[in-house]
């Protein structure tokens, strides 16, 4: 009765002799020693497959690690190459023996445009939030001044901030508005 509950479906014998031979184990006509040898060979083959798969996994891990190290090492290569032209412009300005202030100003403006172009190319964004709401994740309040502006509005930027994509490289140093104290009527 217990067996009937654990095995609810009765086992039926195979319908034909072909089905019976297909259902038989492949080692039935072998001796125990022969069966053991075949099973050991199969186990050895599976062990060899396991070792090859493990070695391949280790090789993939090592290649990925080496690729990551190379990527870190040369990640700034193109950025640095672009900055070389900016440095060249600055050095050229220093080699001029005598020049007027206006010529220097034009050279500095050109160099600033070159640097801005490099920043734009590599998604280095300026944070200059005058008139925006203060954001502690992007701004650092240096002082607060009473103002007619809404409280926590950025009034001025003492030093621009910069972000690389969405990551803050340096927060903008700002002055924010604070509410004027209520003055009692005279």
C-alpha atoms as a PDB file:
ATOM      1  CA  UNK A   1       0.000   0.000   0.000  1.00  0.00           C
ATOM      2  CA  UNK A   2       2.841   2.368   0.825  1.00  0.00           C
ATOM      3  CA  UNK A   3       4.495   1.568  -2.527  1.00  0.00           C
ATOM      4  CA  UNK A   4       1.297   2.365  -4.376  1.00  0.00           C
ATOM      5  CA  UNK A   5       1.212   5.827  -2.842  1.00  0.00           C
ATOM      6  CA  UNK A   6       4.830   6.666  -3.754  1.00  0.00           C
ATOM      7  CA  UNK A   7       4.578   5.081  -7.256  1.00  0.00           C
ATOM      8  CA  UNK A   8       1.034   5.815  -8.414  1.00  0.00           C
ATOM      9  CA  UNK A   9       1.680   4.676 -12.028  1.00  0.00           C
ATOM     10  CA  UNK A  10       2.264   0.951 -12.518  1.00  0.00           C
ATOM     11  CA  UNK A  11       5.314  -0.078 -14.521  1.00  0.00           C
ATOM     12  CA  UNK A  12       4.362  -1.774 -17.786  1.00  0.00           C
ATOM     13  CA  UNK A  13       6.723  -4.118 -19.583  1.00  0.00           C
ATOM     14  CA  UNK A  14       7.957  -2.975 -23.018  1.00  0.00           C
ATOM     15  CA  UNK A  15       5.548  -3.717 -25.856  1.00  0.00           C
ATOM     16  CA  UNK A  16       8.093  -5.376 -28.109  1.00  0.00           C
ATOM     17  CA  UNK A  17      11.474  -7.064 -28.054  1.00  0.00           C
ATOM     18  CA  UNK A  18      13.099  -4.026 -29.796  1.00  0.00           C
ATOM     19  CA  UNK A  19      11.762  -1.724 -27.103  1.00  0.00           C
ATOM     20  CA  UNK A  20      13.076  -4.110 -24.470  1.00  0.00           C
ATOM     21  CA  UNK A  21      16.578  -4.061 -25.940  1.00  0.00           C
ATOM     22  CA  UNK A  22      16.478  -0.239 -26.226  1.00  0.00           C
ATOM     23  CA  UNK A  23      15.432   0.016 -22.580  1.00  0.00           C
ATOM     24  CA  UNK A  24      18.257  -2.279 -21.466  1.00  0.00           C
ATOM     25  CA  UNK A  25      21.497  -0.683 -20.281  1.00  0.00           C
ATOM     26  CA  UNK A  26      24.329  -0.668 -22.839  1.00  0.00           C
ATOM     27  CA  UNK A  27      26.534  -2.639 -20.455  1.00  0.00           C
ATOM     28  CA  UNK A  28      24.196  -5.622 -19.811  1.00  0.00           C
ATOM     29  CA  UNK A  29      26.080  -8.081 -21.944  1.00  0.00           C
ATOM     30  CA  UNK A  30      29.472  -7.117 -20.420  1.00  0.00           C
ATOM     31  CA  UNK A  31      31.227  -8.546 -17.385  1.00  0.00           C
ATOM     32  CA  UNK A  32      31.546  -6.497 -14.240  1.00  0.00           C
ATOM     33  CA  UNK A  33      35.219  -5.772 -14.997  1.00  0.00           C
ATOM     34  CA  UNK A  34      34.358  -4.609 -18.506  1.00  0.00           C
ATOM     35  CA  UNK A  35      31.559  -2.420 -17.172  1.00  0.00           C
ATOM     36  CA  UNK A  36      33.904  -0.956 -14.565  1.00  0.00           C
ATOM     37  CA  UNK A  37      36.544  -0.222 -17.224  1.00  0.00           C
ATOM     38  CA  UNK A  38      33.982   1.539 -19.453  1.00  0.00           C
ATOM     39  CA  UNK A  39      32.620   3.607 -16.556  1.00  0.00           C
ATOM     40  CA  UNK A  40      36.158   4.550 -15.452  1.00  0.00           C
ATOM     41  CA  UNK A  41      37.003   5.590 -19.022  1.00  0.00           C
ATOM     42  CA  UNK A  42      33.846   7.705 -19.159  1.00  0.00           C
ATOM     43  CA  UNK A  43      34.690   9.266 -15.787  1.00  0.00           C
ATOM     44  CA  UNK A  44      38.222  10.045 -16.997  1.00  0.00           C
ATOM     45  CA  UNK A  45      36.845  11.607 -20.188  1.00  0.00           C
ATOM     46  CA  UNK A  46      34.437  13.778 -18.174  1.00  0.00           C
ATOM     47  CA  UNK A  47      37.274  14.759 -15.823  1.00  0.00           C
ATOM     48  CA  UNK A  48      39.393  15.789 -18.839  1.00  0.00           C
ATOM     49  CA  UNK A  49      36.509  17.893 -20.193  1.00  0.00           C
ATOM     50  CA  UNK A  50      36.145  19.513 -16.777  1.00  0.00           C
ATOM     51  CA  UNK A  51      39.866  20.353 -16.604  1.00  0.00           C
ATOM     52  CA  UNK A  52      39.819  21.846 -20.127  1.00  0.00           C
ATOM     53  CA  UNK A  53      36.752  23.936 -19.296  1.00  0.00           C
ATOM     54  CA  UNK A  54      38.354  25.119 -16.064  1.00  0.00           C
ATOM     55  CA  UNK A  55      41.577  26.050 -17.884  1.00  0.00           C
ATOM     56  CA  UNK A  56      39.588  27.937 -20.529  1.00  0.00           C
ATOM     57  CA  UNK A  57      37.706  29.829 -17.818  1.00  0.00           C
ATOM     58  CA  UNK A  58      41.004  30.755 -16.137  1.00  0.00           C
ATOM     59  CA  UNK A  59      42.406  31.935 -19.480  1.00  0.00           C
ATOM     60  CA  UNK A  60      39.329  34.079 -20.140  1.00  0.00           C
ATOM     61  CA  UNK A  61      39.611  35.582 -16.647  1.00  0.00           C
ATOM     62  CA  UNK A  62      43.327  36.358 -17.174  1.00  0.00           C
ATOM     63  CA  UNK A  63      42.671  37.920 -20.615  1.00  0.00           C
ATOM     64  CA  UNK A  64      39.867  40.052 -19.196  1.00  0.00           C
ATOM     65  CA  UNK A  65      42.096  41.204 -16.351  1.00  0.00           C
ATOM     66  CA  UNK A  66      44.913  42.105 -18.762  1.00  0.00           C
ATOM     67  CA  UNK A  67      42.453  43.953 -21.036  1.00  0.00           C
ATOM     68  CA  UNK A  68      41.131  45.894 -18.058  1.00  0.00           C
ATOM     69  CA  UNK A  69      44.647  46.876 -16.981  1.00  0.00           C
ATOM     70  CA  UNK A  70      45.440  48.039 -20.528  1.00  0.00           C
ATOM     71  CA  UNK A  71      42.201  50.022 -20.674  1.00  0.00           C
ATOM     72  CA  UNK A  72      43.019  51.746 -17.389  1.00  0.00           C
ATOM     73  CA  UNK A  73      46.565  52.467 -18.472  1.00  0.00           C
ATOM     74  CA  UNK A  74      45.618  54.023 -21.800  1.00  0.00           C
ATOM     75  CA  UNK A  75      42.178  55.454 -20.951  1.00  0.00           C
ATOM     76  CA  UNK A  76      43.485  59.010 -20.974  1.00  0.00           C
ATOM     77  CA  UNK A  77      45.707  58.626 -24.027  1.00  0.00           C
ATOM     78  CA  UNK A  78      43.469  60.503 -26.464  1.00  0.00           C
ATOM     79  CA  UNK A  79      42.596  63.149 -23.853  1.00  0.00           C
ATOM     80  CA  UNK A  80      46.279  63.740 -23.121  1.00  0.00           C
ATOM     81  CA  UNK A  81      47.077  63.922 -26.843  1.00  0.00           C
ATOM     82  CA  UNK A  82      44.477  66.684 -27.244  1.00  0.00           C
ATOM     83  CA  UNK A  83      45.896  68.614 -24.285  1.00  0.00           C
ATOM     84  CA  UNK A  84      49.354  68.634 -25.851  1.00  0.00           C
ATOM     85  CA  UNK A  85      48.185  71.227 -28.406  1.00  0.00           C
ATOM     86  CA  UNK A  86      46.934  73.457 -25.598  1.00  0.00           C
ATOM     87  CA  UNK A  87      50.321  73.213 -23.870  1.00  0.00           C
ATOM     88  CA  UNK A  88      52.062  74.007 -27.172  1.00  0.00           C
ATOM     89  CA  UNK A  89      50.003  77.194 -27.476  1.00  0.00           C
ATOM     90  CA  UNK A  90      50.908  78.276 -23.949  1.00  0.00           C
ATOM     91  CA  UNK A  91      54.609  77.616 -24.551  1.00  0.00           C
ATOM     92  CA  UNK A  92      54.485  79.549 -27.824  1.00  0.00           C
ATOM     93  CA  UNK A  93      53.056  82.538 -25.942  1.00  0.00           C
ATOM     94  CA  UNK A  94      55.987  82.440 -23.525  1.00  0.00           C
ATOM     95  CA  UNK A  95      58.571  82.480 -26.321  1.00  0.00           C
ATOM     96  CA  UNK A  96      57.389  85.824 -27.707  1.00  0.00           C
ATOM     97  CA  UNK A  97      60.037  88.427 -26.819  1.00  0.00           C
ATOM     98  CA  UNK A  98      58.071  91.636 -27.068  1.00  0.00           C
ATOM     99  CA  UNK A  99      54.416  91.946 -27.728  1.00  0.00           C
ATOM    100  CA  UNK A 100      51.448  94.084 -26.920  1.00  0.00           C
ATOM    101  CA  UNK A 101      48.888  93.203 -24.300  1.00  0.00           C
ATOM    102  CA  UNK A 102      46.244  92.796 -26.991  1.00  0.00           C
ATOM    103  CA  UNK A 103      48.330  90.141 -28.767  1.00  0.00           C
ATOM    104  CA  UNK A 104      48.710  88.201 -25.522  1.00  0.00           C
ATOM    105  CA  UNK A 105      44.992  88.518 -24.858  1.00  0.00           C
ATOM    106  CA  UNK A 106      44.176  87.140 -28.313  1.00  0.00           C
ATOM    107  CA  UNK A 107      46.603  84.251 -27.752  1.00  0.00           C
ATOM    108  CA  UNK A 108      45.081  83.426 -24.368  1.00  0.00           C
ATOM    109  CA  UNK A 109      41.573  83.522 -25.864  1.00  0.00           C
ATOM    110  CA  UNK A 110      42.684  81.147 -28.629  1.00  0.00           C
ATOM    111  CA  UNK A 111      44.214  78.787 -26.067  1.00  0.00           C
ATOM    112  CA  UNK A 112      41.044  78.915 -23.961  1.00  0.00           C
ATOM    113  CA  UNK A 113      38.978  78.009 -27.044  1.00  0.00           C
ATOM    114  CA  UNK A 114      41.314  75.079 -27.701  1.00  0.00           C
ATOM    115  CA  UNK A 115      40.923  73.877 -24.110  1.00  0.00           C
ATOM    116  CA  UNK A 116      37.146  74.333 -24.223  1.00  0.00           C
ATOM    117  CA  UNK A 117      37.071  72.301 -27.432  1.00  0.00           C
ATOM    118  CA  UNK A 118      39.005  69.477 -25.750  1.00  0.00           C
ATOM    119  CA  UNK A 119      36.620  69.569 -22.779  1.00  0.00           C
ATOM    120  CA  UNK A 120      33.610  69.447 -25.081  1.00  0.00           C
ATOM    121  CA  UNK A 121      35.060  66.553 -27.067  1.00  0.00           C
ATOM    122  CA  UNK A 122      35.558  64.500 -23.889  1.00  0.00           C
ATOM    123  CA  UNK A 123      32.311  65.544 -22.149  1.00  0.00           C
ATOM    124  CA  UNK A 124      33.941  67.645 -19.430  1.00  0.00           C
ATOM    125  CA  UNK A 125      31.106  70.035 -18.623  1.00  0.00           C
ATOM    126  CA  UNK A 126      31.286  73.380 -16.796  1.00  0.00           C
ATOM    127  CA  UNK A 127      29.038  73.923 -13.806  1.00  0.00           C
ATOM    128  CA  UNK A 128      28.199  77.627 -13.603  1.00  0.00           C
ATOM    129  CA  UNK A 129      24.785  77.719 -11.917  1.00  0.00           C
ATOM    130  CA  UNK A 130      23.970  81.433 -11.491  1.00  0.00           C
ATOM    131  CA  UNK A 131      20.221  81.781 -10.970  1.00  0.00           C
ATOM    132  CA  UNK A 132      19.670  78.046 -10.429  1.00  0.00           C
ATOM    133  CA  UNK A 133      18.475  76.361  -7.257  1.00  0.00           C
ATOM    134  CA  UNK A 134      21.335  75.271  -4.968  1.00  0.00           C
ATOM    135  CA  UNK A 135      22.143  71.556  -5.409  1.00  0.00           C
ATOM    136  CA  UNK A 136      24.486  70.168  -2.718  1.00  0.00           C
ATOM    137  CA  UNK A 137      25.488  67.350  -5.069  1.00  0.00           C
ATOM    138  CA  UNK A 138      26.840  69.807  -7.671  1.00  0.00           C
ATOM    139  CA  UNK A 139      27.539  72.989  -5.695  1.00  0.00           C
ATOM    140  CA  UNK A 140      29.390  73.959  -2.547  1.00  0.00           C
ATOM    141  CA  UNK A 141      27.998  76.978  -0.728  1.00  0.00           C
ATOM    142  CA  UNK A 142      30.766  79.295   0.419  1.00  0.00           C
ATOM    143  CA  UNK A 143      28.484  81.972   1.811  1.00  0.00           C
ATOM    144  CA  UNK A 144      24.846  83.015   2.046  1.00  0.00           C
ATOM    145  CA  UNK A 145      23.652  86.563   1.476  1.00  0.00           C
ATOM    146  CA  UNK A 146      20.325  88.160   2.185  1.00  0.00           C
ATOM    147  CA  UNK A 147      18.575  88.723  -1.107  1.00  0.00           C
ATOM    148  CA  UNK A 148      15.253  89.352  -2.760  1.00  0.00           C
ATOM    149  CA  UNK A 149      15.821  86.099  -4.691  1.00  0.00           C
ATOM    150  CA  UNK A 150      14.191  82.900  -3.475  1.00  0.00           C
ATOM    151  CA  UNK A 151      16.133  81.259  -0.636  1.00  0.00           C
ATOM    152  CA  UNK A 152      18.800  78.786  -1.804  1.00  0.00           C
ATOM    153  CA  UNK A 153      19.095  80.380  -5.241  1.00  0.00           C
ATOM    154  CA  UNK A 154      22.686  80.671  -6.506  1.00  0.00           C
ATOM    155  CA  UNK A 155      23.593  84.369  -6.607  1.00  0.00           C
ATOM    156  CA  UNK A 156      27.179  84.147  -7.832  1.00  0.00           C
ATOM    157  CA  UNK A 157      29.858  81.620  -8.706  1.00  0.00           C
ATOM    158  CA  UNK A 158      33.253  82.088  -7.109  1.00  0.00           C
ATOM    159  CA  UNK A 159      34.787  79.135  -8.914  1.00  0.00           C
ATOM    160  CA  UNK A 160      33.185  77.059 -11.665  1.00  0.00           C
ATOM    161  CA  UNK A 161      32.687  73.387 -11.113  1.00  0.00           C
ATOM    162  CA  UNK A 162      33.272  70.596 -13.607  1.00  0.00           C
ATOM    163  CA  UNK A 163      31.629  67.269 -14.331  1.00  0.00           C
ATOM    164  CA  UNK A 164      32.783  64.379 -16.475  1.00  0.00           C
ATOM    165  CA  UNK A 165      29.584  63.059 -18.027  1.00  0.00           C
ATOM    166  CA  UNK A 166      27.424  63.018 -14.873  1.00  0.00           C
ATOM    167  CA  UNK A 167      30.230  62.539 -12.313  1.00  0.00           C
ATOM    168  CA  UNK A 168      31.311  65.666 -10.462  1.00  0.00           C
ATOM    169  CA  UNK A 169      35.023  66.382 -10.782  1.00  0.00           C
ATOM    170  CA  UNK A 170      34.789  69.545  -8.698  1.00  0.00           C
ATOM    171  CA  UNK A 171      31.677  71.243  -7.316  1.00  0.00           C
ATOM    172  CA  UNK A 172      31.023  74.880  -8.152  1.00  0.00           C
ATOM    173  CA  UNK A 173      31.827  77.218  -5.246  1.00  0.00           C
ATOM    174  CA  UNK A 174      28.821  79.489  -4.943  1.00  0.00           C
ATOM    175  CA  UNK A 175      27.106  82.177  -2.926  1.00  0.00           C
ATOM    176  CA  UNK A 176      23.454  81.446  -2.222  1.00  0.00           C
ATOM    177  CA  UNK A 177      20.515  83.632  -1.302  1.00  0.00           C
ATOM    178  CA  UNK A 178      18.944  83.534   2.104  1.00  0.00           C
ATOM    179  CA  UNK A 179      15.705  85.119   3.140  1.00  0.00           C
ATOM    180  CA  UNK A 180      15.800  88.614   4.573  1.00  0.00           C
ATOM    181  CA  UNK A 181      14.793  88.752   8.203  1.00  0.00           C
ATOM    182  CA  UNK A 182      11.325  90.107   8.743  1.00  0.00           C
ATOM    183  CA  UNK A 183      11.630  93.747   9.754  1.00  0.00           C
ATOM    184  CA  UNK A 184       9.022  94.897  12.236  1.00  0.00           C
ATOM    185  CA  UNK A 185       6.948  97.936  11.156  1.00  0.00           C
ATOM    186  CA  UNK A 186       8.272 101.231  12.549  1.00  0.00           C
END
